């Protein structure tokens, strides 16, 4: 095994381990159809899925959290999503093999997401991630990503120093959080990736598939 192999690998959830965009897009489009509006094209919603309500409502309605109507739309969006959280969501191809490979190599893996706890706890067991060593959510600590607090909390929970952890995510804020926490950062190029080019994020490593990630972790 590569001497630089991590003792733990922590993952973002939406767009990294799981393809949850179809259900997230469905939740925001229910808001539109309830108002007599045509659904927003999925191709416009998928890239912003990792940004949650802020990104999806912004794409579908052109408003920000500073707009007066945002809070009501957010609450309705979250209700829609909670009621249909695992209809089409699934793990990305090769993620099960990736996690199995980590376990065989005695490498701990966990989840650090900005999704709030009540939604995360509902989703995770339904898509086959209930055996994660830790699950840290957007409201677990006082600050969500890109603040390092959630990653530091995850390292504490698994008893492994941050510098011995890799953090894998599909959004710029994931890389920013990982760097601030002192972890090796990996940009998941198969994810949603937002609007900023992945190559501009400054991650330690950028990869295109979960299979490539396993090879990188094991030093193959």
C-alpha atoms as a PDB file:
ATOM      1  CA  UNK A   1       0.000   0.000   0.000  1.00  0.00           C
ATOM      2  CA  UNK A   2       1.153   3.508  -0.783  1.00  0.00           C
ATOM      3  CA  UNK A   3       2.727   5.118   2.317  1.00  0.00           C
ATOM      4  CA  UNK A   4       0.609   8.194   1.620  1.00  0.00           C
ATOM      5  CA  UNK A   5      -2.617   6.206   1.697  1.00  0.00           C
ATOM      6  CA  UNK A   6      -5.126   7.978   3.977  1.00  0.00           C
ATOM      7  CA  UNK A   7      -6.428   6.404   7.149  1.00  0.00           C
ATOM      8  CA  UNK A   8      -9.874   7.823   6.381  1.00  0.00           C
ATOM      9  CA  UNK A   9     -11.777   9.174   3.404  1.00  0.00           C
ATOM     10  CA  UNK A  10     -14.643  11.583   4.006  1.00  0.00           C
ATOM     11  CA  UNK A  11     -17.186  12.301   1.309  1.00  0.00           C
ATOM     12  CA  UNK A  12     -19.688  14.955   0.434  1.00  0.00           C
ATOM     13  CA  UNK A  13     -23.089  13.353  -0.172  1.00  0.00           C
ATOM     14  CA  UNK A  14     -25.090  15.025  -2.972  1.00  0.00           C
ATOM     15  CA  UNK A  15     -23.216  14.826  -6.258  1.00  0.00           C
ATOM     16  CA  UNK A  16     -20.313  12.859  -4.791  1.00  0.00           C
ATOM     17  CA  UNK A  17     -21.607   9.603  -3.344  1.00  0.00           C
ATOM     18  CA  UNK A  18     -25.189   9.864  -4.547  1.00  0.00           C
ATOM     19  CA  UNK A  19     -26.978  11.212  -7.583  1.00  0.00           C
ATOM     20  CA  UNK A  20     -29.772  13.030  -5.781  1.00  0.00           C
ATOM     21  CA  UNK A  21     -30.375  15.728  -8.395  1.00  0.00           C
ATOM     22  CA  UNK A  22     -33.490  14.087  -9.901  1.00  0.00           C
ATOM     23  CA  UNK A  23     -35.397  14.257  -6.613  1.00  0.00           C
ATOM     24  CA  UNK A  24     -34.066  17.719  -5.763  1.00  0.00           C
ATOM     25  CA  UNK A  25     -35.098  18.986  -9.187  1.00  0.00           C
ATOM     26  CA  UNK A  26     -38.477  17.337  -8.808  1.00  0.00           C
ATOM     27  CA  UNK A  27     -39.039  19.134  -5.514  1.00  0.00           C
ATOM     28  CA  UNK A  28     -38.339  22.571  -6.953  1.00  0.00           C
ATOM     29  CA  UNK A  29     -40.366  21.907 -10.087  1.00  0.00           C
ATOM     30  CA  UNK A  30     -43.354  21.021  -7.910  1.00  0.00           C
ATOM     31  CA  UNK A  31     -43.128  24.608  -6.694  1.00  0.00           C
ATOM     32  CA  UNK A  32     -43.309  25.841 -10.253  1.00  0.00           C
ATOM     33  CA  UNK A  33     -46.188  23.643 -11.378  1.00  0.00           C
ATOM     34  CA  UNK A  34     -48.156  24.530  -8.244  1.00  0.00           C
ATOM     35  CA  UNK A  35     -47.907  28.140  -9.414  1.00  0.00           C
ATOM     36  CA  UNK A  36     -48.974  27.344 -12.976  1.00  0.00           C
ATOM     37  CA  UNK A  37     -45.439  27.604 -14.322  1.00  0.00           C
ATOM     38  CA  UNK A  38     -43.702  25.172 -16.646  1.00  0.00           C
ATOM     39  CA  UNK A  39     -41.013  22.965 -15.048  1.00  0.00           C
ATOM     40  CA  UNK A  40     -37.455  24.261 -15.276  1.00  0.00           C
ATOM     41  CA  UNK A  41     -35.270  22.233 -17.631  1.00  0.00           C
ATOM     42  CA  UNK A  42     -33.427  19.533 -15.688  1.00  0.00           C
ATOM     43  CA  UNK A  43     -30.218  20.451 -17.496  1.00  0.00           C
ATOM     44  CA  UNK A  44     -30.331  23.843 -15.748  1.00  0.00           C
ATOM     45  CA  UNK A  45     -31.051  22.372 -12.325  1.00  0.00           C
ATOM     46  CA  UNK A  46     -28.580  19.502 -12.169  1.00  0.00           C
ATOM     47  CA  UNK A  47     -25.376  21.611 -12.043  1.00  0.00           C
ATOM     48  CA  UNK A  48     -26.638  23.545  -9.001  1.00  0.00           C
ATOM     49  CA  UNK A  49     -28.018  20.559  -7.077  1.00  0.00           C
ATOM     50  CA  UNK A  50     -25.092  20.532  -4.639  1.00  0.00           C
ATOM     51  CA  UNK A  51     -26.054  24.060  -3.581  1.00  0.00           C
ATOM     52  CA  UNK A  52     -29.388  22.765  -2.244  1.00  0.00           C
ATOM     53  CA  UNK A  53     -32.363  25.075  -1.843  1.00  0.00           C
ATOM     54  CA  UNK A  54     -30.323  28.203  -2.554  1.00  0.00           C
ATOM     55  CA  UNK A  55     -29.034  26.916  -5.876  1.00  0.00           C
ATOM     56  CA  UNK A  56     -32.201  25.201  -7.055  1.00  0.00           C
ATOM     57  CA  UNK A  57     -34.591  28.008  -6.140  1.00  0.00           C
ATOM     58  CA  UNK A  58     -32.179  30.468  -7.692  1.00  0.00           C
ATOM     59  CA  UNK A  59     -32.136  28.521 -10.956  1.00  0.00           C
ATOM     60  CA  UNK A  60     -35.873  27.878 -11.007  1.00  0.00           C
ATOM     61  CA  UNK A  61     -37.137  31.285  -9.853  1.00  0.00           C
ATOM     62  CA  UNK A  62     -34.227  33.686 -10.298  1.00  0.00           C
ATOM     63  CA  UNK A  63     -34.237  34.799  -6.661  1.00  0.00           C
ATOM     64  CA  UNK A  64     -31.727  34.709  -3.807  1.00  0.00           C
ATOM     65  CA  UNK A  65     -32.017  34.230  -0.035  1.00  0.00           C
ATOM     66  CA  UNK A  66     -32.128  38.031   0.260  1.00  0.00           C
ATOM     67  CA  UNK A  67     -35.453  38.221  -1.604  1.00  0.00           C
ATOM     68  CA  UNK A  68     -38.635  38.460   0.479  1.00  0.00           C
ATOM     69  CA  UNK A  69     -40.304  35.440  -1.105  1.00  0.00           C
ATOM     70  CA  UNK A  70     -37.282  33.146  -0.709  1.00  0.00           C
ATOM     71  CA  UNK A  71     -38.062  31.833   2.799  1.00  0.00           C
ATOM     72  CA  UNK A  72     -41.555  30.615   1.878  1.00  0.00           C
ATOM     73  CA  UNK A  73     -40.274  28.962  -1.283  1.00  0.00           C
ATOM     74  CA  UNK A  74     -37.451  27.296   0.645  1.00  0.00           C
ATOM     75  CA  UNK A  75     -39.840  25.868   3.236  1.00  0.00           C
ATOM     76  CA  UNK A  76     -42.164  24.494   0.566  1.00  0.00           C
ATOM     77  CA  UNK A  77     -39.213  23.100  -1.367  1.00  0.00           C
ATOM     78  CA  UNK A  78     -37.914  21.270   1.697  1.00  0.00           C
ATOM     79  CA  UNK A  79     -41.360  19.836   2.399  1.00  0.00           C
ATOM     80  CA  UNK A  80     -41.642  18.592  -1.182  1.00  0.00           C
ATOM     81  CA  UNK A  81     -38.184  17.082  -1.015  1.00  0.00           C
ATOM     82  CA  UNK A  82     -38.700  15.367   2.336  1.00  0.00           C
ATOM     83  CA  UNK A  83     -41.834  13.717   0.971  1.00  0.00           C
ATOM     84  CA  UNK A  84     -40.038  12.420  -2.134  1.00  0.00           C
ATOM     85  CA  UNK A  85     -36.441  12.093  -0.993  1.00  0.00           C
ATOM     86  CA  UNK A  86     -35.453   8.734  -2.476  1.00  0.00           C
ATOM     87  CA  UNK A  87     -37.714   8.221  -5.462  1.00  0.00           C
ATOM     88  CA  UNK A  88     -34.990   8.454  -8.108  1.00  0.00           C
ATOM     89  CA  UNK A  89     -31.865   9.052  -5.985  1.00  0.00           C
ATOM     90  CA  UNK A  90     -29.199   6.370  -6.118  1.00  0.00           C
ATOM     91  CA  UNK A  91     -25.487   5.873  -5.601  1.00  0.00           C
ATOM     92  CA  UNK A  92     -23.306   6.781  -8.538  1.00  0.00           C
ATOM     93  CA  UNK A  93     -21.951   3.870 -10.552  1.00  0.00           C
ATOM     94  CA  UNK A  94     -18.870   2.318  -8.915  1.00  0.00           C
ATOM     95  CA  UNK A  95     -19.510   3.992  -5.544  1.00  0.00           C
ATOM     96  CA  UNK A  96     -20.495   0.671  -3.902  1.00  0.00           C
ATOM     97  CA  UNK A  97     -17.267  -0.886  -5.221  1.00  0.00           C
ATOM     98  CA  UNK A  98     -15.301   2.153  -4.016  1.00  0.00           C
ATOM     99  CA  UNK A  99     -16.662   1.863  -0.485  1.00  0.00           C
ATOM    100  CA  UNK A 100     -16.140  -1.888  -0.460  1.00  0.00           C
ATOM    101  CA  UNK A 101     -12.553  -1.368  -1.571  1.00  0.00           C
ATOM    102  CA  UNK A 102     -11.934   1.104   1.239  1.00  0.00           C
ATOM    103  CA  UNK A 103     -13.365  -1.288   3.791  1.00  0.00           C
ATOM    104  CA  UNK A 104     -11.209  -4.146   2.504  1.00  0.00           C
ATOM    105  CA  UNK A 105      -8.167  -1.892   2.888  1.00  0.00           C
ATOM    106  CA  UNK A 106      -9.211  -0.996   6.460  1.00  0.00           C
ATOM    107  CA  UNK A 107      -9.716   2.633   5.482  1.00  0.00           C
ATOM    108  CA  UNK A 108     -12.502   4.363   7.384  1.00  0.00           C
ATOM    109  CA  UNK A 109     -15.064   6.297   5.361  1.00  0.00           C
ATOM    110  CA  UNK A 110     -17.682   8.804   6.411  1.00  0.00           C
ATOM    111  CA  UNK A 111     -20.016  11.510   5.150  1.00  0.00           C
ATOM    112  CA  UNK A 112     -19.800  15.280   5.618  1.00  0.00           C
ATOM    113  CA  UNK A 113     -22.691  17.082   3.943  1.00  0.00           C
ATOM    114  CA  UNK A 114     -24.381  20.461   4.111  1.00  0.00           C
ATOM    115  CA  UNK A 115     -27.743  18.717   3.883  1.00  0.00           C
ATOM    116  CA  UNK A 116     -29.540  19.209   7.196  1.00  0.00           C
ATOM    117  CA  UNK A 117     -29.759  16.325   9.628  1.00  0.00           C
ATOM    118  CA  UNK A 118     -33.435  15.451   9.360  1.00  0.00           C
ATOM    119  CA  UNK A 119     -33.143  15.056   5.589  1.00  0.00           C
ATOM    120  CA  UNK A 120     -29.795  13.270   5.701  1.00  0.00           C
ATOM    121  CA  UNK A 121     -30.975  10.741   8.272  1.00  0.00           C
ATOM    122  CA  UNK A 122     -34.001  10.013   6.096  1.00  0.00           C
ATOM    123  CA  UNK A 123     -32.004   9.603   2.877  1.00  0.00           C
ATOM    124  CA  UNK A 124     -28.801   7.805   3.902  1.00  0.00           C
ATOM    125  CA  UNK A 125     -30.263   4.404   4.890  1.00  0.00           C
ATOM    126  CA  UNK A 126     -32.550   4.341   1.857  1.00  0.00           C
ATOM    127  CA  UNK A 127     -29.658   4.565  -0.622  1.00  0.00           C
ATOM    128  CA  UNK A 128     -27.325   2.084   1.049  1.00  0.00           C
ATOM    129  CA  UNK A 129     -25.044   4.343   3.085  1.00  0.00           C
ATOM    130  CA  UNK A 130     -26.254   3.473   6.562  1.00  0.00           C
ATOM    131  CA  UNK A 131     -22.929   1.863   7.484  1.00  0.00           C
ATOM    132  CA  UNK A 132     -20.886   5.081   7.265  1.00  0.00           C
ATOM    133  CA  UNK A 133     -18.460   5.501  10.172  1.00  0.00           C
ATOM    134  CA  UNK A 134     -19.780   9.025  10.742  1.00  0.00           C
ATOM    135  CA  UNK A 135     -22.382  11.351   9.264  1.00  0.00           C
ATOM    136  CA  UNK A 136     -21.897  15.073   9.862  1.00  0.00           C
ATOM    137  CA  UNK A 137     -24.618  17.357   8.521  1.00  0.00           C
ATOM    138  CA  UNK A 138     -25.030  21.013   7.700  1.00  0.00           C
ATOM    139  CA  UNK A 139     -26.526  21.741  11.100  1.00  0.00           C
ATOM    140  CA  UNK A 140     -24.308  19.424  13.164  1.00  0.00           C
ATOM    141  CA  UNK A 141     -21.849  22.241  13.891  1.00  0.00           C
ATOM    142  CA  UNK A 142     -22.472  25.993  14.094  1.00  0.00           C
ATOM    143  CA  UNK A 143     -20.950  26.480  10.625  1.00  0.00           C
ATOM    144  CA  UNK A 144     -21.561  24.511   7.416  1.00  0.00           C
ATOM    145  CA  UNK A 145     -18.999  24.104   4.639  1.00  0.00           C
ATOM    146  CA  UNK A 146     -16.929  25.921   3.404  1.00  0.00           C
ATOM    147  CA  UNK A 147     -16.099  26.386   7.088  1.00  0.00           C
ATOM    148  CA  UNK A 148     -13.809  23.559   8.273  1.00  0.00           C
ATOM    149  CA  UNK A 149     -15.842  22.863  11.423  1.00  0.00           C
ATOM    150  CA  UNK A 150     -17.871  19.946   9.966  1.00  0.00           C
ATOM    151  CA  UNK A 151     -14.730  18.221   8.711  1.00  0.00           C
ATOM    152  CA  UNK A 152     -12.936  18.712  12.008  1.00  0.00           C
ATOM    153  CA  UNK A 153     -15.987  17.260  13.766  1.00  0.00           C
ATOM    154  CA  UNK A 154     -15.966  14.230  11.474  1.00  0.00           C
ATOM    155  CA  UNK A 155     -12.269  13.603  12.118  1.00  0.00           C
ATOM    156  CA  UNK A 156     -12.940  13.852  15.847  1.00  0.00           C
ATOM    157  CA  UNK A 157     -15.810  11.369  15.643  1.00  0.00           C
ATOM    158  CA  UNK A 158     -13.739   8.738  13.853  1.00  0.00           C
ATOM    159  CA  UNK A 159     -10.659   9.404  15.971  1.00  0.00           C
ATOM    160  CA  UNK A 160      -8.338  10.164  13.058  1.00  0.00           C
ATOM    161  CA  UNK A 161      -6.282  13.338  12.652  1.00  0.00           C
ATOM    162  CA  UNK A 162      -7.445  15.645   9.838  1.00  0.00           C
ATOM    163  CA  UNK A 163      -4.083  15.456   8.106  1.00  0.00           C
ATOM    164  CA  UNK A 164      -4.592  11.690   7.756  1.00  0.00           C
ATOM    165  CA  UNK A 165      -7.939  12.185   6.012  1.00  0.00           C
ATOM    166  CA  UNK A 166      -8.902  12.833   2.423  1.00  0.00           C
ATOM    167  CA  UNK A 167     -12.006  14.861   1.663  1.00  0.00           C
ATOM    168  CA  UNK A 168     -13.844  14.275  -1.604  1.00  0.00           C
ATOM    169  CA  UNK A 169     -16.475  16.654  -2.976  1.00  0.00           C
ATOM    170  CA  UNK A 170     -18.055  18.012  -6.133  1.00  0.00           C
ATOM    171  CA  UNK A 171     -18.315  21.668  -5.154  1.00  0.00           C
ATOM    172  CA  UNK A 172     -15.777  24.455  -4.647  1.00  0.00           C
ATOM    173  CA  UNK A 173     -16.848  24.860  -1.016  1.00  0.00           C
ATOM    174  CA  UNK A 174     -15.915  21.209  -0.395  1.00  0.00           C
ATOM    175  CA  UNK A 175     -12.361  21.878  -1.473  1.00  0.00           C
ATOM    176  CA  UNK A 176     -12.240  25.105   0.526  1.00  0.00           C
ATOM    177  CA  UNK A 177     -13.470  23.297   3.648  1.00  0.00           C
ATOM    178  CA  UNK A 178     -11.019  20.444   3.197  1.00  0.00           C
ATOM    179  CA  UNK A 179      -8.089  22.792   2.738  1.00  0.00           C
ATOM    180  CA  UNK A 180      -9.065  24.814   5.792  1.00  0.00           C
ATOM    181  CA  UNK A 181      -9.273  21.604   7.817  1.00  0.00           C
ATOM    182  CA  UNK A 182      -5.810  20.504   6.703  1.00  0.00           C
ATOM    183  CA  UNK A 183      -7.034  17.518   4.694  1.00  0.00           C
ATOM    184  CA  UNK A 184      -5.953  16.240   1.291  1.00  0.00           C
ATOM    185  CA  UNK A 185      -8.658  17.432  -1.092  1.00  0.00           C
ATOM    186  CA  UNK A 186     -10.151  15.614  -4.070  1.00  0.00           C
ATOM    187  CA  UNK A 187     -12.500  17.167  -6.638  1.00  0.00           C
ATOM    188  CA  UNK A 188     -15.112  14.667  -7.787  1.00  0.00           C
ATOM    189  CA  UNK A 189     -15.333  15.479 -11.476  1.00  0.00           C
ATOM    190  CA  UNK A 190     -18.257  13.096 -11.984  1.00  0.00           C
ATOM    191  CA  UNK A 191     -20.513  15.225  -9.779  1.00  0.00           C
ATOM    192  CA  UNK A 192     -22.574  18.363 -10.301  1.00  0.00           C
ATOM    193  CA  UNK A 193     -19.588  20.707  -9.959  1.00  0.00           C
ATOM    194  CA  UNK A 194     -21.481  24.009 -10.088  1.00  0.00           C
ATOM    195  CA  UNK A 195     -20.546  26.875 -12.355  1.00  0.00           C
ATOM    196  CA  UNK A 196     -16.854  27.367 -11.494  1.00  0.00           C
ATOM    197  CA  UNK A 197     -14.465  25.193 -13.559  1.00  0.00           C
ATOM    198  CA  UNK A 198     -13.210  22.260 -11.484  1.00  0.00           C
ATOM    199  CA  UNK A 199      -9.615  22.908 -12.514  1.00  0.00           C
ATOM    200  CA  UNK A 200      -9.836  26.334 -10.856  1.00  0.00           C
ATOM    201  CA  UNK A 201     -10.701  24.955  -7.420  1.00  0.00           C
ATOM    202  CA  UNK A 202      -7.128  24.225  -6.382  1.00  0.00           C
ATOM    203  CA  UNK A 203      -7.826  20.676  -5.191  1.00  0.00           C
ATOM    204  CA  UNK A 204      -4.876  18.395  -4.516  1.00  0.00           C
ATOM    205  CA  UNK A 205      -6.350  15.892  -6.952  1.00  0.00           C
ATOM    206  CA  UNK A 206      -9.102  15.972  -9.574  1.00  0.00           C
ATOM    207  CA  UNK A 207     -10.565  12.707 -10.814  1.00  0.00           C
ATOM    208  CA  UNK A 208     -13.319  11.628 -13.186  1.00  0.00           C
ATOM    209  CA  UNK A 209     -14.762   8.500 -11.587  1.00  0.00           C
ATOM    210  CA  UNK A 210     -15.082   6.638  -8.277  1.00  0.00           C
ATOM    211  CA  UNK A 211     -12.950   3.829  -9.748  1.00  0.00           C
ATOM    212  CA  UNK A 212     -10.114   6.288 -10.386  1.00  0.00           C
ATOM    213  CA  UNK A 213     -10.473   7.518  -6.835  1.00  0.00           C
ATOM    214  CA  UNK A 214     -10.002   4.034  -5.388  1.00  0.00           C
ATOM    215  CA  UNK A 215      -6.876   3.539  -7.484  1.00  0.00           C
ATOM    216  CA  UNK A 216      -5.510   6.894  -6.292  1.00  0.00           C
ATOM    217  CA  UNK A 217      -6.238   6.099  -2.656  1.00  0.00           C
ATOM    218  CA  UNK A 218      -4.594   2.696  -2.806  1.00  0.00           C
ATOM    219  CA  UNK A 219      -1.625   4.022  -4.804  1.00  0.00           C
ATOM    220  CA  UNK A 220      -2.244   1.845  -7.854  1.00  0.00           C
END
